[in-house]
Amino acid sequence: MLCFKQRLHAVLTNGQSLAIVVCGCLTQKSWSDSKQSCENLGARLVIINTQEKQDFISTLVQRAWIGLTDQQNSKVWKWVDGREVSKMFWGNGEPNNSGDERCVEISNYYSTPNNWNDLNCNYLLYFVCEKIMQ
C-alpha cells in the first residue's frame, strides 16, 4: 500500500499543542476497509473538528474517506472515536442519504470549506488517516 505522510502542527484553543501525522493512502477501499487499514497503521480515519484541519485536509486530496459515519444510528453522525460531530462542513444539500449513504467523504466536487458528502460505504475511495503525537 503506497501512502504519503504530512505532519501538521496545531495549537488548540485551550493552548494544548498537538502534532498530527496525516497519512493518505493511494489505494482505494471501502469505508470499513479504509478504517481497518488506518487502525493497522496505529492510526484512525481523520477526524475534522476545526476549520484549520478542514482547510489542510482539503488541500491533500480530491476525494477521500474521513472518519465520519451514521451507520449505528441514521442521521446521528459520529466520528470513529464515538464522539458526535460538533463542527460540520457539509457540501450544499448534504447530507442527503441518496442511496443508503452512511459514510462521509471529503470531495472537491464542492468548493471548500464546505465539501463533505455522504456516500454509500461500499464505494471505493482513497482515505486519510491520522495519528496524534503529543
N, C-alpha and C. Protein backbone atom coordinates (compact mmCIF):
# COMPACT_ATOMS: atom_id res chain seq x y z
N MET A 1 0.85 -1.17 0.00
CA MET A 1 0.00 0.00 0.00
C MET A 1 0.90 1.23 0.00
N LEU A 2 0.73 2.09 -0.98
CA LEU A 2 1.52 3.31 -1.10
C LEU A 2 0.82 4.44 -0.37
N CYS A 3 1.52 5.06 0.59
CA CYS A 3 0.93 6.13 1.38
C CYS A 3 1.88 7.31 1.43
N PHE A 4 1.32 8.48 1.72
CA PHE A 4 2.15 9.66 1.96
C PHE A 4 1.91 10.12 3.39
N LYS A 5 2.87 10.86 3.93
CA LYS A 5 2.73 11.39 5.28
C LYS A 5 2.96 12.88 5.25
N GLN A 6 2.19 13.59 6.02
CA GLN A 6 2.34 15.03 6.17
C GLN A 6 2.16 15.35 7.65
N ARG A 7 3.05 16.12 8.21
CA ARG A 7 2.96 16.47 9.61
C ARG A 7 2.31 17.85 9.74
N LEU A 8 1.31 17.92 10.58
CA LEU A 8 0.59 19.16 10.83
C LEU A 8 0.75 19.49 12.30
N HIS A 9 1.16 20.70 12.58
CA HIS A 9 1.28 21.14 13.97
C HIS A 9 0.12 22.06 14.26
N ALA A 10 -0.58 21.80 15.34
CA ALA A 10 -1.75 22.61 15.69
C ALA A 10 -1.67 23.05 17.14
N VAL A 11 -2.07 24.27 17.39
CA VAL A 11 -2.23 24.76 18.75
C VAL A 11 -3.73 24.95 18.96
N LEU A 12 -4.28 24.20 19.90
CA LEU A 12 -5.71 24.24 20.14
C LEU A 12 -6.09 25.48 20.94
N THR A 13 -7.39 25.77 20.95
CA THR A 13 -7.86 26.97 21.65
C THR A 13 -7.58 26.92 23.16
N ASN A 14 -7.43 25.72 23.70
CA ASN A 14 -7.12 25.60 25.13
C ASN A 14 -5.62 25.70 25.38
N GLY A 15 -4.84 25.99 24.33
CA GLY A 15 -3.40 26.15 24.46
C GLY A 15 -2.60 24.87 24.29
N GLN A 16 -3.28 23.73 24.20
CA GLN A 16 -2.59 22.46 24.02
C GLN A 16 -2.00 22.39 22.61
N SER A 17 -0.77 21.93 22.53
CA SER A 17 -0.09 21.81 21.25
C SER A 17 -0.09 20.35 20.81
N LEU A 18 -0.48 20.10 19.58
CA LEU A 18 -0.52 18.75 19.05
C LEU A 18 0.24 18.68 17.73
N ALA A 19 0.87 17.57 17.52
CA ALA A 19 1.43 17.28 16.20
C ALA A 19 0.60 16.13 15.64
N ILE A 20 0.08 16.31 14.46
CA ILE A 20 -0.76 15.30 13.84
C ILE A 20 -0.05 14.81 12.59
N VAL A 21 0.12 13.52 12.50
CA VAL A 21 0.69 12.93 11.29
C VAL A 21 -0.48 12.42 10.46
N VAL A 22 -0.62 12.98 9.28
CA VAL A 22 -1.71 12.60 8.39
C VAL A 22 -1.13 11.72 7.29
N CYS A 23 -1.75 10.57 7.09
CA CYS A 23 -1.34 9.65 6.02
C CYS A 23 -2.48 9.55 5.02
N GLY A 24 -2.15 9.69 3.78
CA GLY A 24 -3.11 9.44 2.72
C GLY A 24 -2.61 8.24 1.95
N CYS A 25 -3.49 7.31 1.69
CA CYS A 25 -3.06 6.09 1.02
C CYS A 25 -3.58 6.07 -0.41
N LEU A 26 -2.71 5.69 -1.31
CA LEU A 26 -3.03 5.71 -2.74
C LEU A 26 -3.62 4.37 -3.19
N THR A 27 -4.49 3.84 -2.32
CA THR A 27 -5.22 2.63 -2.60
C THR A 27 -6.68 2.93 -2.31
N GLN A 28 -7.56 2.57 -3.20
CA GLN A 28 -8.98 2.83 -2.98
C GLN A 28 -9.62 1.65 -2.27
N LYS A 29 -10.38 1.97 -1.22
CA LYS A 29 -11.03 0.94 -0.42
C LYS A 29 -12.39 1.43 0.02
N SER A 30 -13.22 0.50 0.51
CA SER A 30 -14.49 0.87 1.12
C SER A 30 -14.20 1.61 2.42
N TRP A 31 -15.23 2.22 2.99
CA TRP A 31 -15.03 2.96 4.24
C TRP A 31 -14.54 2.04 5.35
N SER A 32 -15.17 0.88 5.52
CA SER A 32 -14.77 -0.02 6.62
C SER A 32 -13.37 -0.58 6.39
N ASP A 33 -13.00 -0.89 5.15
CA ASP A 33 -11.64 -1.37 4.87
C ASP A 33 -10.62 -0.24 5.07
N SER A 34 -11.02 0.99 4.76
CA SER A 34 -10.14 2.14 4.99
C SER A 34 -9.92 2.33 6.49
N LYS A 35 -10.99 2.23 7.26
CA LYS A 35 -10.90 2.35 8.72
C LYS A 35 -9.94 1.29 9.27
N GLN A 36 -10.09 0.06 8.79
CA GLN A 36 -9.23 -1.02 9.26
C GLN A 36 -7.78 -0.80 8.84
N SER A 37 -7.55 -0.29 7.65
CA SER A 37 -6.18 -0.01 7.20
C SER A 37 -5.52 1.04 8.08
N CYS A 38 -6.27 2.07 8.46
CA CYS A 38 -5.72 3.09 9.37
C CYS A 38 -5.37 2.46 10.71
N GLU A 39 -6.28 1.65 11.24
CA GLU A 39 -6.03 1.00 12.52
C GLU A 39 -4.81 0.09 12.45
N ASN A 40 -4.62 -0.58 11.32
CA ASN A 40 -3.45 -1.43 11.14
C ASN A 40 -2.15 -0.62 11.17
N LEU A 41 -2.25 0.66 10.84
CA LEU A 41 -1.09 1.56 10.87
C LEU A 41 -0.93 2.23 12.25
N GLY A 42 -1.80 1.87 13.20
CA GLY A 42 -1.77 2.51 14.51
C GLY A 42 -2.38 3.89 14.49
N ALA A 43 -3.28 4.14 13.55
CA ALA A 43 -3.89 5.46 13.37
C ALA A 43 -5.41 5.28 13.29
N ARG A 44 -6.09 6.31 12.82
CA ARG A 44 -7.53 6.27 12.62
C ARG A 44 -7.87 7.11 11.40
N LEU A 45 -9.07 6.86 10.83
CA LEU A 45 -9.54 7.76 9.79
C LEU A 45 -9.61 9.16 10.38
N VAL A 46 -9.27 10.15 9.59
CA VAL A 46 -9.12 11.51 10.08
C VAL A 46 -10.44 12.06 10.64
N ILE A 47 -10.32 12.76 11.75
CA ILE A 47 -11.42 13.48 12.39
C ILE A 47 -11.19 14.97 12.13
N ILE A 48 -12.16 15.61 11.52
CA ILE A 48 -12.02 17.03 11.17
C ILE A 48 -12.94 17.83 12.08
N ASN A 49 -12.35 18.50 13.05
CA ASN A 49 -13.15 19.24 14.02
C ASN A 49 -12.76 20.71 14.15
N THR A 50 -11.93 21.20 13.23
CA THR A 50 -11.58 22.62 13.20
C THR A 50 -11.52 23.10 11.76
N GLN A 51 -11.69 24.39 11.59
CA GLN A 51 -11.58 24.98 10.25
C GLN A 51 -10.18 24.77 9.69
N GLU A 52 -9.15 24.91 10.53
CA GLU A 52 -7.77 24.75 10.08
C GLU A 52 -7.52 23.34 9.55
N LYS A 53 -8.02 22.35 10.25
CA LYS A 53 -7.83 20.97 9.82
C LYS A 53 -8.62 20.70 8.54
N GLN A 54 -9.83 21.22 8.45
CA GLN A 54 -10.63 21.09 7.24
C GLN A 54 -9.89 21.67 6.03
N ASP A 55 -9.36 22.87 6.20
CA ASP A 55 -8.63 23.51 5.10
C ASP A 55 -7.40 22.69 4.71
N PHE A 56 -6.68 22.18 5.70
CA PHE A 56 -5.47 21.41 5.44
C PHE A 56 -5.79 20.11 4.69
N ILE A 57 -6.76 19.34 5.17
CA ILE A 57 -7.11 18.07 4.52
C ILE A 57 -7.64 18.33 3.11
N SER A 58 -8.36 19.40 2.92
CA SER A 58 -8.90 19.72 1.60
C SER A 58 -7.80 19.95 0.56
N THR A 59 -6.63 20.38 1.01
CA THR A 59 -5.53 20.60 0.06
C THR A 59 -4.81 19.31 -0.31
N LEU A 60 -5.01 18.25 0.46
CA LEU A 60 -4.27 17.00 0.24
C LEU A 60 -4.89 16.09 -0.80
N VAL A 61 -6.21 16.08 -0.89
CA VAL A 61 -6.90 15.08 -1.69
C VAL A 61 -8.04 15.69 -2.49
N GLN A 62 -8.44 14.99 -3.55
CA GLN A 62 -9.61 15.41 -4.31
C GLN A 62 -10.87 14.75 -3.77
N ARG A 63 -10.76 13.46 -3.45
CA ARG A 63 -11.86 12.70 -2.83
C ARG A 63 -11.25 11.66 -1.92
N ALA A 64 -11.74 11.58 -0.69
CA ALA A 64 -11.21 10.58 0.25
C ALA A 64 -12.17 10.40 1.41
N TRP A 65 -12.14 9.18 1.97
CA TRP A 65 -12.92 8.91 3.17
C TRP A 65 -12.35 9.68 4.35
N ILE A 66 -13.26 10.16 5.22
CA ILE A 66 -12.88 10.68 6.52
C ILE A 66 -13.60 9.83 7.57
N GLY A 67 -13.28 10.04 8.83
CA GLY A 67 -13.77 9.15 9.89
C GLY A 67 -15.14 9.47 10.43
N LEU A 68 -16.10 9.74 9.57
CA LEU A 68 -17.45 10.12 9.99
C LEU A 68 -18.48 9.18 9.38
N THR A 69 -19.42 8.73 10.20
CA THR A 69 -20.46 7.81 9.73
C THR A 69 -21.71 7.92 10.59
N ASP A 70 -22.84 7.49 10.03
CA ASP A 70 -24.07 7.36 10.82
C ASP A 70 -24.57 5.92 10.74
N GLN A 71 -23.65 4.97 10.61
CA GLN A 71 -24.00 3.56 10.47
C GLN A 71 -24.72 3.01 11.70
N GLN A 72 -24.40 3.50 12.88
CA GLN A 72 -25.04 2.98 14.09
C GLN A 72 -26.46 3.50 14.27
N ASN A 73 -26.69 4.76 13.91
CA ASN A 73 -27.99 5.38 14.10
C ASN A 73 -28.17 6.43 12.99
N SER A 74 -29.12 6.18 12.11
CA SER A 74 -29.32 7.06 10.96
C SER A 74 -29.49 8.52 11.38
N LYS A 75 -28.78 9.39 10.70
CA LYS A 75 -28.80 10.84 10.89
C LYS A 75 -28.13 11.30 12.18
N VAL A 76 -27.48 10.39 12.91
CA VAL A 76 -26.67 10.76 14.06
C VAL A 76 -25.22 10.52 13.65
N TRP A 77 -24.57 11.57 13.20
CA TRP A 77 -23.22 11.46 12.65
C TRP A 77 -22.20 11.42 13.77
N LYS A 78 -21.37 10.37 13.76
CA LYS A 78 -20.35 10.20 14.80
C LYS A 78 -18.99 9.94 14.16
N TRP A 79 -17.97 10.41 14.85
CA TRP A 79 -16.59 10.16 14.44
C TRP A 79 -16.19 8.74 14.84
N VAL A 80 -15.11 8.26 14.28
CA VAL A 80 -14.64 6.91 14.58
C VAL A 80 -14.28 6.73 16.05
N ASP A 81 -14.06 7.81 16.78
CA ASP A 81 -13.78 7.70 18.22
C ASP A 81 -15.06 7.74 19.06
N GLY A 82 -16.23 7.76 18.40
CA GLY A 82 -17.51 7.71 19.11
C GLY A 82 -18.13 9.06 19.42
N ARG A 83 -17.40 10.14 19.22
CA ARG A 83 -17.94 11.48 19.51
C ARG A 83 -18.88 11.94 18.39
N GLU A 84 -19.94 12.66 18.79
CA GLU A 84 -20.83 13.27 17.80
C GLU A 84 -20.14 14.48 17.19
N VAL A 85 -20.57 14.84 16.01
CA VAL A 85 -19.97 15.96 15.27
C VAL A 85 -20.33 17.27 15.95
N SER A 86 -19.33 18.14 16.14
CA SER A 86 -19.60 19.46 16.71
C SER A 86 -19.46 20.55 15.65
N LYS A 87 -18.56 20.36 14.70
CA LYS A 87 -18.34 21.32 13.62
C LYS A 87 -18.54 20.56 12.31
N MET A 88 -19.38 21.09 11.42
CA MET A 88 -19.70 20.38 10.19
C MET A 88 -19.34 21.22 8.97
N PHE A 89 -18.91 20.51 7.91
CA PHE A 89 -18.50 21.16 6.67
C PHE A 89 -19.20 20.49 5.48
N TRP A 90 -20.51 20.31 5.58
CA TRP A 90 -21.27 19.65 4.53
C TRP A 90 -21.33 20.50 3.27
N GLY A 91 -21.26 19.83 2.14
CA GLY A 91 -21.49 20.49 0.87
C GLY A 91 -22.95 20.89 0.76
N ASN A 92 -23.27 21.75 -0.19
CA ASN A 92 -24.63 22.23 -0.39
C ASN A 92 -25.59 21.06 -0.61
N GLY A 93 -26.65 20.97 0.21
CA GLY A 93 -27.64 19.91 0.07
C GLY A 93 -27.27 18.61 0.75
N GLU A 94 -26.15 18.56 1.42
CA GLU A 94 -25.69 17.35 2.10
C GLU A 94 -25.91 17.49 3.61
N PRO A 95 -26.02 16.40 4.32
CA PRO A 95 -26.13 15.02 3.83
C PRO A 95 -27.54 14.77 3.30
N ASN A 96 -27.62 13.98 2.24
CA ASN A 96 -28.92 13.74 1.62
C ASN A 96 -29.33 12.26 1.64
N ASN A 97 -28.45 11.37 2.07
CA ASN A 97 -28.74 9.94 2.17
C ASN A 97 -29.38 9.39 0.89
N SER A 98 -28.83 9.78 -0.24
CA SER A 98 -29.33 9.31 -1.52
C SER A 98 -28.73 7.95 -1.84
N GLY A 99 -29.49 6.89 -1.64
CA GLY A 99 -28.99 5.55 -1.95
C GLY A 99 -28.18 4.94 -0.83
N ASP A 100 -28.70 4.99 0.40
CA ASP A 100 -28.05 4.38 1.56
C ASP A 100 -26.65 4.92 1.79
N GLU A 101 -26.55 6.22 1.88
CA GLU A 101 -25.27 6.89 2.10
C GLU A 101 -25.06 7.09 3.60
N ARG A 102 -24.17 6.31 4.18
CA ARG A 102 -23.98 6.31 5.63
C ARG A 102 -22.57 6.69 6.06
N CYS A 103 -21.67 6.92 5.10
CA CYS A 103 -20.28 7.28 5.39
C CYS A 103 -19.95 8.60 4.69
N VAL A 104 -18.85 9.24 5.09
CA VAL A 104 -18.58 10.59 4.60
C VAL A 104 -17.22 10.67 3.91
N GLU A 105 -17.26 11.34 2.76
CA GLU A 105 -16.04 11.65 2.03
C GLU A 105 -15.83 13.16 2.05
N ILE A 106 -14.58 13.56 1.86
CA ILE A 106 -14.27 14.95 1.57
C ILE A 106 -14.08 14.98 0.06
N SER A 107 -14.72 15.93 -0.62
CA SER A 107 -14.79 15.86 -2.08
C SER A 107 -14.56 17.23 -2.71
N ASN A 108 -13.77 17.26 -3.77
CA ASN A 108 -13.56 18.53 -4.48
C ASN A 108 -14.73 18.87 -5.39
N TYR A 109 -15.75 18.03 -5.41
CA TYR A 109 -16.97 18.35 -6.16
C TYR A 109 -17.60 19.63 -5.62
N TYR A 110 -17.47 19.80 -4.30
CA TYR A 110 -17.97 21.01 -3.64
C TYR A 110 -16.79 21.94 -3.39
N SER A 111 -17.06 23.22 -3.37
CA SER A 111 -15.97 24.16 -3.07
C SER A 111 -15.70 24.15 -1.57
N THR A 112 -14.44 24.35 -1.22
CA THR A 112 -14.09 24.43 0.19
C THR A 112 -14.60 25.75 0.72
N PRO A 113 -14.88 25.90 1.97
CA PRO A 113 -14.54 24.97 3.04
C PRO A 113 -15.60 23.90 3.27
N ASN A 114 -16.75 23.99 2.60
CA ASN A 114 -17.83 23.03 2.86
C ASN A 114 -17.87 21.98 1.76
N ASN A 115 -17.14 20.88 1.97
CA ASN A 115 -17.02 19.89 0.91
C ASN A 115 -17.18 18.44 1.40
N TRP A 116 -17.99 18.23 2.44
CA TRP A 116 -18.30 16.87 2.86
C TRP A 116 -19.50 16.36 2.08
N ASN A 117 -19.47 15.07 1.79
CA ASN A 117 -20.55 14.42 1.06
C ASN A 117 -20.81 13.06 1.69
N ASP A 118 -22.08 12.74 1.96
CA ASP A 118 -22.38 11.38 2.42
C ASP A 118 -22.44 10.48 1.19
N LEU A 119 -21.96 9.25 1.38
CA LEU A 119 -21.77 8.33 0.26
C LEU A 119 -21.99 6.90 0.75
N ASN A 120 -22.39 6.02 -0.14
CA ASN A 120 -22.51 4.61 0.22
C ASN A 120 -21.16 4.09 0.69
N CYS A 121 -21.13 3.42 1.83
CA CYS A 121 -19.89 2.99 2.47
C CYS A 121 -19.10 1.96 1.66
N ASN A 122 -19.74 1.32 0.69
CA ASN A 122 -19.05 0.32 -0.12
C ASN A 122 -18.31 0.92 -1.31
N TYR A 123 -18.52 2.20 -1.56
CA TYR A 123 -17.84 2.89 -2.65
C TYR A 123 -16.33 2.85 -2.38
N LEU A 124 -15.53 2.69 -3.42
CA LEU A 124 -14.08 2.63 -3.26
C LEU A 124 -13.47 4.01 -3.45
N LEU A 125 -12.79 4.48 -2.38
CA LEU A 125 -12.15 5.79 -2.39
C LEU A 125 -10.78 5.69 -1.73
N TYR A 126 -9.95 6.71 -1.97
CA TYR A 126 -8.75 6.88 -1.18
C TYR A 126 -9.18 7.28 0.22
N PHE A 127 -8.26 7.32 1.16
CA PHE A 127 -8.62 7.66 2.53
C PHE A 127 -7.48 8.37 3.22
N VAL A 128 -7.82 9.09 4.28
CA VAL A 128 -6.84 9.85 5.05
C VAL A 128 -6.86 9.37 6.49
N CYS A 129 -5.70 8.96 6.97
CA CYS A 129 -5.54 8.53 8.36
C CYS A 129 -4.83 9.61 9.15
N GLU A 130 -4.99 9.58 10.45
CA GLU A 130 -4.24 10.49 11.30
C GLU A 130 -3.79 9.77 12.57
N LYS A 131 -2.67 10.22 13.07
CA LYS A 131 -2.16 9.74 14.35
C LYS A 131 -1.69 10.98 15.11
N ILE A 132 -2.27 11.19 16.28
CA ILE A 132 -1.94 12.37 17.06
C ILE A 132 -0.72 12.07 17.92
N MET A 133 0.29 12.90 17.77
CA MET A 133 1.54 12.75 18.53
C MET A 133 1.60 13.90 19.54
N GLN A 134 1.51 13.59 20.82
CA GLN A 134 1.52 14.65 21.83
C GLN A 134 2.89 14.79 22.46
